[in-house]
All heavy atoms as atom14 arrays in JSON, in Angstrom:
{
  "sequence": "MDMQDLEAKLKEAQKHRLRLVATDGAFSMDGDIAPLREIC",
  "atom14_mask": [
    [1, 1, 1, 1, 1, 1, 1, 1, 0, 0, 0, 0, 0, 0],
    [1, 1, 1, 1, 1, 1, 1, 1, 0, 0, 0, 0, 0, 0],
    [1, 1, 1, 1, 1, 1, 1, 1, 0, 0, 0, 0, 0, 0],
    [1, 1, 1, 1, 1, 1, 1, 1, 1, 0, 0, 0, 0, 0],
    [1, 1, 1, 1, 1, 1, 1, 1, 0, 0, 0, 0, 0, 0],
    [1, 1, 1, 1, 1, 1, 1, 1, 0, 0, 0, 0, 0, 0],
    [1, 1, 1, 1, 1, 1, 1, 1, 1, 0, 0, 0, 0, 0],
    [1, 1, 1, 1, 1, 0, 0, 0, 0, 0, 0, 0, 0, 0],
    [1, 1, 1, 1, 1, 1, 1, 1, 1, 0, 0, 0, 0, 0],
    [1, 1, 1, 1, 1, 1, 1, 1, 0, 0, 0, 0, 0, 0],
    [1, 1, 1, 1, 1, 1, 1, 1, 1, 0, 0, 0, 0, 0],
    [1, 1, 1, 1, 1, 1, 1, 1, 1, 0, 0, 0, 0, 0],
    [1, 1, 1, 1, 1, 0, 0, 0, 0, 0, 0, 0, 0, 0],
    [1, 1, 1, 1, 1, 1, 1, 1, 1, 0, 0, 0, 0, 0],
    [1, 1, 1, 1, 1, 1, 1, 1, 1, 0, 0, 0, 0, 0],
    [1, 1, 1, 1, 1, 1, 1, 1, 1, 1, 0, 0, 0, 0],
    [1, 1, 1, 1, 1, 1, 1, 1, 1, 1, 1, 0, 0, 0],
    [1, 1, 1, 1, 1, 1, 1, 1, 0, 0, 0, 0, 0, 0],
    [1, 1, 1, 1, 1, 1, 1, 1, 1, 1, 1, 0, 0, 0],
    [1, 1, 1, 1, 1, 1, 1, 1, 0, 0, 0, 0, 0, 0],
    [1, 1, 1, 1, 1, 1, 1, 0, 0, 0, 0, 0, 0, 0],
    [1, 1, 1, 1, 1, 0, 0, 0, 0, 0, 0, 0, 0, 0],
    [1, 1, 1, 1, 1, 1, 1, 0, 0, 0, 0, 0, 0, 0],
    [1, 1, 1, 1, 1, 1, 1, 1, 0, 0, 0, 0, 0, 0],
    [1, 1, 1, 1, 0, 0, 0, 0, 0, 0, 0, 0, 0, 0],
    [1, 1, 1, 1, 1, 0, 0, 0, 0, 0, 0, 0, 0, 0],
    [1, 1, 1, 1, 1, 1, 1, 1, 1, 1, 1, 0, 0, 0],
    [1, 1, 1, 1, 1, 1, 0, 0, 0, 0, 0, 0, 0, 0],
    [1, 1, 1, 1, 1, 1, 1, 1, 0, 0, 0, 0, 0, 0],
    [1, 1, 1, 1, 1, 1, 1, 1, 0, 0, 0, 0, 0, 0],
    [1, 1, 1, 1, 0, 0, 0, 0, 0, 0, 0, 0, 0, 0],
    [1, 1, 1, 1, 1, 1, 1, 1, 0, 0, 0, 0, 0, 0],
    [1, 1, 1, 1, 1, 1, 1, 1, 0, 0, 0, 0, 0, 0],
    [1, 1, 1, 1, 1, 0, 0, 0, 0, 0, 0, 0, 0, 0],
    [1, 1, 1, 1, 1, 1, 1, 0, 0, 0, 0, 0, 0, 0],
    [1, 1, 1, 1, 1, 1, 1, 1, 0, 0, 0, 0, 0, 0],
    [1, 1, 1, 1, 1, 1, 1, 1, 1, 1, 1, 0, 0, 0],
    [1, 1, 1, 1, 1, 1, 1, 1, 1, 0, 0, 0, 0, 0],
    [1, 1, 1, 1, 1, 1, 1, 1, 0, 0, 0, 0, 0, 0],
    [1, 1, 1, 1, 1, 1, 0, 0, 0, 0, 0, 0, 0, 0]
  ],
  "atom14_positions": [
    [[-68.72, -190.58, -151.95], [-68.71, -189.61, -150.86], [-68.77, -190.26, -149.48], [-69.21, -189.64, -148.52], [-69.86, -188.59, -151.03], [-69.81, -187.84, -152.35], [-70.73, -186.28, -152.39], [-72.28, -186.73, -151.67], [0.0, 0.0, 0.0], [0.0, 0.0, 0.0], [0.0, 0.0, 0.0], [0.0, 0.0, 0.0], [0.0, 0.0, 0.0], [0.0, 0.0, 0.0]],
    [[-68.3, -191.5, -149.39], [-68.31, -192.24, -148.13], [-66.93, -192.08, -147.47], [-65.95, -192.7, -147.87], [-68.6, -193.72, -148.4], [-68.77, -194.54, -147.13], [-68.11, -194.22, -146.12], [-69.56, -195.51, -147.16], [0.0, 0.0, 0.0], [0.0, 0.0, 0.0], [0.0, 0.0, 0.0], [0.0, 0.0, 0.0], [0.0, 0.0, 0.0], [0.0, 0.0, 0.0]],
    [[-66.87, -191.23, -146.45], [-65.58, -190.91, -145.83], [-65.03, -192.06, -144.99], [-63.82, -192.19, -144.82], [-65.71, -189.64, -144.99], [-66.03, -188.39, -145.8], [-64.76, -187.99, -147.05], [-65.43, -188.77, -148.55], [0.0, 0.0, 0.0], [0.0, 0.0, 0.0], [0.0, 0.0, 0.0], [0.0, 0.0, 0.0], [0.0, 0.0, 0.0], [0.0, 0.0, 0.0]],
    [[-65.9, -192.89, -144.45], [-65.42, -194.06, -143.72], [-64.72, -195.03, -144.67], [-63.66, -195.58, -144.34], [-66.58, -194.76, -143.02], [-67.11, -194.01, -141.81], [-68.17, -194.8, -141.05], [-68.91, -195.59, -141.63], [-68.25, -194.58, -139.75], [0.0, 0.0, 0.0], [0.0, 0.0, 0.0], [0.0, 0.0, 0.0], [0.0, 0.0, 0.0], [0.0, 0.0, 0.0]],
    [[-65.3, -195.21, -145.85], [-64.69, -196.11, -146.83], [-63.4, -195.5, -147.36], [-62.41, -196.22, -147.56], [-65.67, -196.39, -147.97], [-65.21, -197.54, -148.85], [-64.66, -198.51, -148.32], [-65.4, -197.46, -150.08], [0.0, 0.0, 0.0], [0.0, 0.0, 0.0], [0.0, 0.0, 0.0], [0.0, 0.0, 0.0], [0.0, 0.0, 0.0], [0.0, 0.0, 0.0]],
    [[-63.39, -194.19, -147.59], [-62.15, -193.54, -148.05], [-61.05, -193.7, -147.02], [-59.9, -194.0, -147.37], [-62.4, -192.06, -148.33], [-61.15, -191.23, -148.68], [-60.42, -191.8, -149.89], [-61.53, -189.77, -148.91], [0.0, 0.0, 0.0], [0.0, 0.0, 0.0], [0.0, 0.0, 0.0], [0.0, 0.0, 0.0], [0.0, 0.0, 0.0], [0.0, 0.0, 0.0]],
    [[-61.38, -193.51, -145.73], [-60.36, -193.66, -144.7], [-59.83, -195.09, -144.65], [-58.62, -195.31, -144.5], [-60.91, -193.27, -143.33], [-59.86, -193.35, -142.24], [-60.27, -192.68, -140.94], [-61.49, -192.45, -140.76], [-59.39, -192.38, -140.13], [0.0, 0.0, 0.0], [0.0, 0.0, 0.0], [0.0, 0.0, 0.0], [0.0, 0.0, 0.0], [0.0, 0.0, 0.0]],
    [[-60.72, -196.06, -144.81], [-60.27, -197.46, -144.83], [-59.32, -197.71, -146.0], [-58.28, -198.39, -145.85], [-61.48, -198.39, -144.92], [0.0, 0.0, 0.0], [0.0, 0.0, 0.0], [0.0, 0.0, 0.0], [0.0, 0.0, 0.0], [0.0, 0.0, 0.0], [0.0, 0.0, 0.0], [0.0, 0.0, 0.0], [0.0, 0.0, 0.0], [0.0, 0.0, 0.0]],
    [[-59.65, -197.13, -147.16], [-58.79, -197.3, -148.34], [-57.45, -196.57, -148.15], [-56.4, -197.06, -148.58], [-59.5, -196.77, -149.59], [-60.8, -197.51, -149.95], [-60.55, -198.94, -150.35], [-61.76, -199.59, -151.02], [-62.99, -199.59, -150.22], [0.0, 0.0, 0.0], [0.0, 0.0, 0.0], [0.0, 0.0, 0.0], [0.0, 0.0, 0.0], [0.0, 0.0, 0.0]],
    [[-57.48, -195.41, -147.5], [-56.23, -194.68, -147.24], [-55.33, -195.46, -146.29], [-54.1, -195.49, -146.46], [-56.55, -193.3, -146.66], [-56.95, -192.22, -147.66], [-57.56, -191.01, -146.95], [-55.76, -191.79, -148.51], [0.0, 0.0, 0.0], [0.0, 0.0, 0.0], [0.0, 0.0, 0.0], [0.0, 0.0, 0.0], [0.0, 0.0, 0.0], [0.0, 0.0, 0.0]],
    [[-55.91, -196.1, -145.29], [-55.13, -196.94, -144.39], [-54.47, -198.08, -145.16], [-53.29, -198.39, -144.96], [-56.03, -197.49, -143.29], [-56.48, -196.47, -142.26], [-57.38, -197.12, -141.21], [-57.83, -196.12, -140.16], [-58.77, -196.71, -139.18], [0.0, 0.0, 0.0], [0.0, 0.0, 0.0], [0.0, 0.0, 0.0], [0.0, 0.0, 0.0], [0.0, 0.0, 0.0]],
    [[-55.26, -198.69, -146.04], [-54.73, -199.8, -146.84], [-53.63, -199.35, -147.78], [-52.69, -200.1, -148.08], [-55.88, -200.43, -147.63], [-55.52, -201.7, -148.37], [-56.69, -202.29, -149.14], [-57.84, -201.84, -148.91], [-56.46, -203.2, -149.96], [0.0, 0.0, 0.0], [0.0, 0.0, 0.0], [0.0, 0.0, 0.0], [0.0, 0.0, 0.0], [0.0, 0.0, 0.0]],
    [[-53.73, -198.09, -148.25], [-52.79, -197.57, -149.25], [-51.52, -197.0, -148.64], [-50.64, -196.51, -149.36], [-53.48, -196.51, -150.1], [0.0, 0.0, 0.0], [0.0, 0.0, 0.0], [0.0, 0.0, 0.0], [0.0, 0.0, 0.0], [0.0, 0.0, 0.0], [0.0, 0.0, 0.0], [0.0, 0.0, 0.0], [0.0, 0.0, 0.0], [0.0, 0.0, 0.0]],
    [[-51.39, -197.05, -147.31], [-50.21, -196.48, -146.66], [-48.91, -197.16, -147.09], [-47.83, -196.58, -146.97], [-50.37, -196.56, -145.14], [-51.37, -195.57, -144.56], [-51.01, -194.12, -144.85], [-50.01, -193.61, -144.35], [-51.8, -193.47, -145.69], [0.0, 0.0, 0.0], [0.0, 0.0, 0.0], [0.0, 0.0, 0.0], [0.0, 0.0, 0.0], [0.0, 0.0, 0.0]],
    [[-49.0, -198.36, -147.6], [-47.81, -199.1, -148.02], [-47.2, -198.54, -149.29], [-46.08, -198.92, -149.66], [-48.17, -200.58, -148.21], [-49.27, -200.8, -149.24], [-49.77, -202.24, -149.21], [-50.98, -202.42, -150.13], [-51.56, -203.78, -150.04], [0.0, 0.0, 0.0], [0.0, 0.0, 0.0], [0.0, 0.0, 0.0], [0.0, 0.0, 0.0], [0.0, 0.0, 0.0]],
    [[-47.92, -197.66, -149.98], [-47.43, -197.11, -151.24], [-46.68, -195.8, -151.02], [-46.88, -195.11, -150.02], [-48.59, -196.91, -152.21], [-49.36, -198.16, -152.47], [-48.81, -199.28, -153.08], [-50.65, -198.5, -152.2], [-49.72, -200.23, -153.17], [-50.84, -199.78, -152.64], [0.0, 0.0, 0.0], [0.0, 0.0, 0.0], [0.0, 0.0, 0.0], [0.0, 0.0, 0.0]],
    [[-45.83, -195.45, -151.98], [-44.96, -194.28, -151.87], [-45.75, -192.98, -151.76], [-45.5, -192.14, -150.91], [-44.02, -194.22, -153.09], [-43.02, -193.07, -153.09], [-42.25, -193.04, -154.4], [-43.12, -192.63, -155.5], [-43.01, -191.48, -156.16], [-42.08, -190.61, -155.81], [-43.82, -191.19, -157.16], [0.0, 0.0, 0.0], [0.0, 0.0, 0.0], [0.0, 0.0, 0.0]],
    [[-46.74, -192.8, -152.64], [-47.53, -191.57, -152.71], [-48.99, -191.94, -152.89], [-49.31, -192.91, -153.59], [-47.02, -190.72, -153.88], [-47.66, -189.36, -154.17], [-46.62, -188.42, -154.79], [-48.85, -189.49, -155.12], [0.0, 0.0, 0.0], [0.0, 0.0, 0.0], [0.0, 0.0, 0.0], [0.0, 0.0, 0.0], [0.0, 0.0, 0.0], [0.0, 0.0, 0.0]],
    [[-49.87, -191.16, -152.27], [-51.3, -191.42, -152.37], [-52.0, -190.17, -152.92], [-51.75, -189.06, -152.44], [-51.88, -191.78, -150.99], [-51.4, -193.12, -150.48], [-51.37, -193.2, -148.97], [-50.42, -192.25, -148.39], [-49.09, -192.44, -148.39], [-48.57, -193.53, -148.94], [-48.29, -191.54, -147.84], [0.0, 0.0, 0.0], [0.0, 0.0, 0.0], [0.0, 0.0, 0.0]],
    [[-52.88, -190.36, -153.9], [-53.62, -189.26, -154.51], [-55.11, -189.58, -154.46], [-55.56, -190.58, -155.01], [-53.19, -189.06, -155.97], [-53.95, -187.99, -156.75], [-53.67, -186.59, -156.2], [-53.59, -188.05, -158.23], [0.0, 0.0, 0.0], [0.0, 0.0, 0.0], [0.0, 0.0, 0.0], [0.0, 0.0, 0.0], [0.0, 0.0, 0.0], [0.0, 0.0, 0.0]],
    [[-55.88, -188.74, -153.78], [-57.34, -188.87, -153.74], [-57.92, -188.06, -154.89], [-57.63, -186.86, -155.02], [-57.92, -188.38, -152.4], [-59.44, -188.52, -152.39], [-57.3, -189.14, -151.24], [0.0, 0.0, 0.0], [0.0, 0.0, 0.0], [0.0, 0.0, 0.0], [0.0, 0.0, 0.0], [0.0, 0.0, 0.0], [0.0, 0.0, 0.0], [0.0, 0.0, 0.0]],
    [[-58.73, -188.69, -155.73], [-59.3, -188.03, -156.9], [-60.82, -188.0, -156.8], [-61.46, -189.03, -156.57], [-58.88, -188.76, -158.18], [0.0, 0.0, 0.0], [0.0, 0.0, 0.0], [0.0, 0.0, 0.0], [0.0, 0.0, 0.0], [0.0, 0.0, 0.0], [0.0, 0.0, 0.0], [0.0, 0.0, 0.0], [0.0, 0.0, 0.0], [0.0, 0.0, 0.0]],
    [[-61.39, -186.81, -156.99], [-62.85, -186.69, -156.91], [-63.35, -185.56, -157.8], [-62.63, -184.59, -158.05], [-63.31, -186.43, -155.46], [-64.74, -186.34, -155.43], [-62.72, -185.14, -154.91], [0.0, 0.0, 0.0], [0.0, 0.0, 0.0], [0.0, 0.0, 0.0], [0.0, 0.0, 0.0], [0.0, 0.0, 0.0], [0.0, 0.0, 0.0], [0.0, 0.0, 0.0]],
    [[-64.56, -185.69, -158.3], [-65.25, -184.54, -158.88], [-65.54, -183.55, -157.75], [-65.82, -183.96, -156.62], [-66.59, -184.96, -159.5], [-66.44, -185.57, -160.88], [-65.29, -185.85, -161.28], [-67.46, -185.76, -161.55], [0.0, 0.0, 0.0], [0.0, 0.0, 0.0], [0.0, 0.0, 0.0], [0.0, 0.0, 0.0], [0.0, 0.0, 0.0], [0.0, 0.0, 0.0]],
    [[-65.5, -182.26, -158.05], [-65.94, -181.27, -157.08], [-67.45, -181.26, -157.0], [-68.04, -181.4, -155.92], [0.0, 0.0, 0.0], [0.0, 0.0, 0.0], [0.0, 0.0, 0.0], [0.0, 0.0, 0.0], [0.0, 0.0, 0.0], [0.0, 0.0, 0.0], [0.0, 0.0, 0.0], [0.0, 0.0, 0.0], [0.0, 0.0, 0.0], [0.0, 0.0, 0.0]],
    [[-68.09, -181.1, -158.16], [-69.54, -181.22, -158.28], [-69.83, -182.36, -159.24], [-69.31, -182.37, -160.36], [-70.15, -179.92, -158.8], [0.0, 0.0, 0.0], [0.0, 0.0, 0.0], [0.0, 0.0, 0.0], [0.0, 0.0, 0.0], [0.0, 0.0, 0.0], [0.0, 0.0, 0.0], [0.0, 0.0, 0.0], [0.0, 0.0, 0.0], [0.0, 0.0, 0.0]],
    [[-70.62, -183.32, -158.81], [-70.93, -184.49, -159.63], [-72.12, -184.15, -160.53], [-73.25, -183.97, -160.06], [-71.25, -185.69, -158.74], [-70.06, -186.22, -157.99], [-69.68, -185.65, -156.79], [-69.32, -187.28, -158.49], [-68.58, -186.12, -156.09], [-68.21, -187.77, -157.8], [-67.85, -187.18, -156.6], [0.0, 0.0, 0.0], [0.0, 0.0, 0.0], [0.0, 0.0, 0.0]],
    [[-71.86, -184.07, -161.82], [-72.85, -183.52, -162.75], [-74.11, -184.36, -162.88], [-75.2, -183.83, -163.08], [-72.21, -183.35, -164.13], [-71.78, -184.6, -164.64], [0.0, 0.0, 0.0], [0.0, 0.0, 0.0], [0.0, 0.0, 0.0], [0.0, 0.0, 0.0], [0.0, 0.0, 0.0], [0.0, 0.0, 0.0], [0.0, 0.0, 0.0], [0.0, 0.0, 0.0]],
    [[-73.99, -185.67, -162.76], [-75.16, -186.53, -162.98], [-76.08, -186.59, -161.76], [-77.27, -186.89, -161.89], [-74.72, -187.95, -163.34], [-73.87, -188.02, -164.6], [-74.67, -187.31, -166.05], [-76.0, -188.49, -166.31], [0.0, 0.0, 0.0], [0.0, 0.0, 0.0], [0.0, 0.0, 0.0], [0.0, 0.0, 0.0], [0.0, 0.0, 0.0], [0.0, 0.0, 0.0]],
    [[-75.53, -186.29, -160.58], [-76.31, -186.41, -159.35], [-76.54, -185.07, -158.65], [-77.42, -184.96, -157.79], [-75.61, -187.37, -158.37], [-75.41, -188.74, -158.98], [-76.32, -189.58, -158.87], [-74.34, -188.97, -159.56], [0.0, 0.0, 0.0], [0.0, 0.0, 0.0], [0.0, 0.0, 0.0], [0.0, 0.0, 0.0], [0.0, 0.0, 0.0], [0.0, 0.0, 0.0]],
    [[-75.71, -184.08, -158.99], [-75.82, -182.8, -158.32], [-75.17, -182.75, -156.95], [-75.34, -181.78, -156.21], [0.0, 0.0, 0.0], [0.0, 0.0, 0.0], [0.0, 0.0, 0.0], [0.0, 0.0, 0.0], [0.0, 0.0, 0.0], [0.0, 0.0, 0.0], [0.0, 0.0, 0.0], [0.0, 0.0, 0.0], [0.0, 0.0, 0.0], [0.0, 0.0, 0.0]],
    [[-74.41, -183.79, -156.6], [-73.75, -183.83, -155.3], [-72.51, -182.93, -155.28], [-71.83, -182.78, -156.3], [-73.31, -185.26, -154.97], [-74.48, -186.21, -154.83], [-75.56, -185.75, -154.41], [-74.31, -187.41, -155.13], [0.0, 0.0, 0.0], [0.0, 0.0, 0.0], [0.0, 0.0, 0.0], [0.0, 0.0, 0.0], [0.0, 0.0, 0.0], [0.0, 0.0, 0.0]],
    [[-72.22, -182.36, -154.14], [-70.99, -181.61, -153.92], [-70.07, -182.47, -153.05], [-70.46, -182.91, -151.97], [-71.25, -180.27, -153.22], [-72.24, -179.41, -154.03], [-69.95, -179.51, -152.99], [-71.75, -179.01, -155.39], [0.0, 0.0, 0.0], [0.0, 0.0, 0.0], [0.0, 0.0, 0.0], [0.0, 0.0, 0.0], [0.0, 0.0, 0.0], [0.0, 0.0, 0.0]],
    [[-68.87, -182.71, -153.52], [-67.93, -183.56, -152.76], [-67.65, -182.95, -151.39], [-67.52, -181.73, -151.26], [-66.63, -183.71, -153.54], [0.0, 0.0, 0.0], [0.0, 0.0, 0.0], [0.0, 0.0, 0.0], [0.0, 0.0, 0.0], [0.0, 0.0, 0.0], [0.0, 0.0, 0.0], [0.0, 0.0, 0.0], [0.0, 0.0, 0.0], [0.0, 0.0, 0.0]],
    [[-67.57, -183.78, -150.34], [-67.26, -183.29, -148.99], [-65.76, -182.97, -148.87], [-65.0, -183.68, -148.2], [-67.67, -184.46, -148.1], [-67.47, -185.67, -148.95], [-67.8, -185.24, -150.36], [0.0, 0.0, 0.0], [0.0, 0.0, 0.0], [0.0, 0.0, 0.0], [0.0, 0.0, 0.0], [0.0, 0.0, 0.0], [0.0, 0.0, 0.0], [0.0, 0.0, 0.0]],
    [[-65.35, -181.89, -149.49], [-63.92, -181.6, -149.61], [-63.26, -181.31, -148.26], [-62.08, -181.61, -148.08], [-63.69, -180.42, -150.56], [-63.85, -180.7, -152.05], [-63.55, -179.44, -152.85], [-62.92, -181.82, -152.5], [0.0, 0.0, 0.0], [0.0, 0.0, 0.0], [0.0, 0.0, 0.0], [0.0, 0.0, 0.0], [0.0, 0.0, 0.0], [0.0, 0.0, 0.0]],
    [[-64.0, -180.73, -147.33], [-63.4, -180.49, -146.01], [-62.94, -181.81, -145.39], [-61.81, -181.94, -144.91], [-64.4, -179.8, -145.09], [-64.72, -178.35, -145.45], [-65.43, -177.66, -144.3], [-65.94, -176.35, -144.69], [-67.21, -176.11, -145.0], [-68.11, -177.09, -144.95], [-67.61, -174.9, -145.33], [0.0, 0.0, 0.0], [0.0, 0.0, 0.0], [0.0, 0.0, 0.0]],
    [[-63.85, -182.78, -145.42], [-63.53, -184.08, -144.82], [-62.46, -184.81, -145.62], [-61.58, -185.46, -145.05], [-64.8, -184.93, -144.74], [-65.83, -184.41, -143.75], [-66.7, -183.29, -144.33], [-66.47, -182.89, -145.49], [-67.6, -182.81, -143.61], [0.0, 0.0, 0.0], [0.0, 0.0, 0.0], [0.0, 0.0, 0.0], [0.0, 0.0, 0.0], [0.0, 0.0, 0.0]],
    [[-62.53, -184.71, -146.95], [-61.51, -185.34, -147.8], [-60.14, -184.77, -147.49], [-59.14, -185.5, -147.34], [-61.86, -185.16, -149.28], [-63.07, -186.04, -149.66], [-60.66, -185.51, -150.18], [-63.6, -185.8, -151.06], [0.0, 0.0, 0.0], [0.0, 0.0, 0.0], [0.0, 0.0, 0.0], [0.0, 0.0, 0.0], [0.0, 0.0, 0.0], [0.0, 0.0, 0.0]],
    [[-60.06, -183.45, -147.38], [-58.77, -182.8, -147.11], [-58.26, -183.14, -145.71], [-57.04, -183.29, -145.5], [-58.89, -181.3, -147.29], [-59.1, -180.78, -149.01], [0.0, 0.0, 0.0], [0.0, 0.0, 0.0], [0.0, 0.0, 0.0], [0.0, 0.0, 0.0], [0.0, 0.0, 0.0], [0.0, 0.0, 0.0], [0.0, 0.0, 0.0], [0.0, 0.0, 0.0]]
  ]
}
C-alpha cells in the first residue's frame, strides 16, 4: 500500500507495452483496505 513505491515502479515500467496494477481490495490477513482512489 505504498503509493510512492508504486509510482516509482510505474515510472520504471513505462518502457513496456501494457501495465497492470494488481492488488487485493481487502487484505484478509491484515484487515487493510487497498487505497484504490490513489491507485486509480
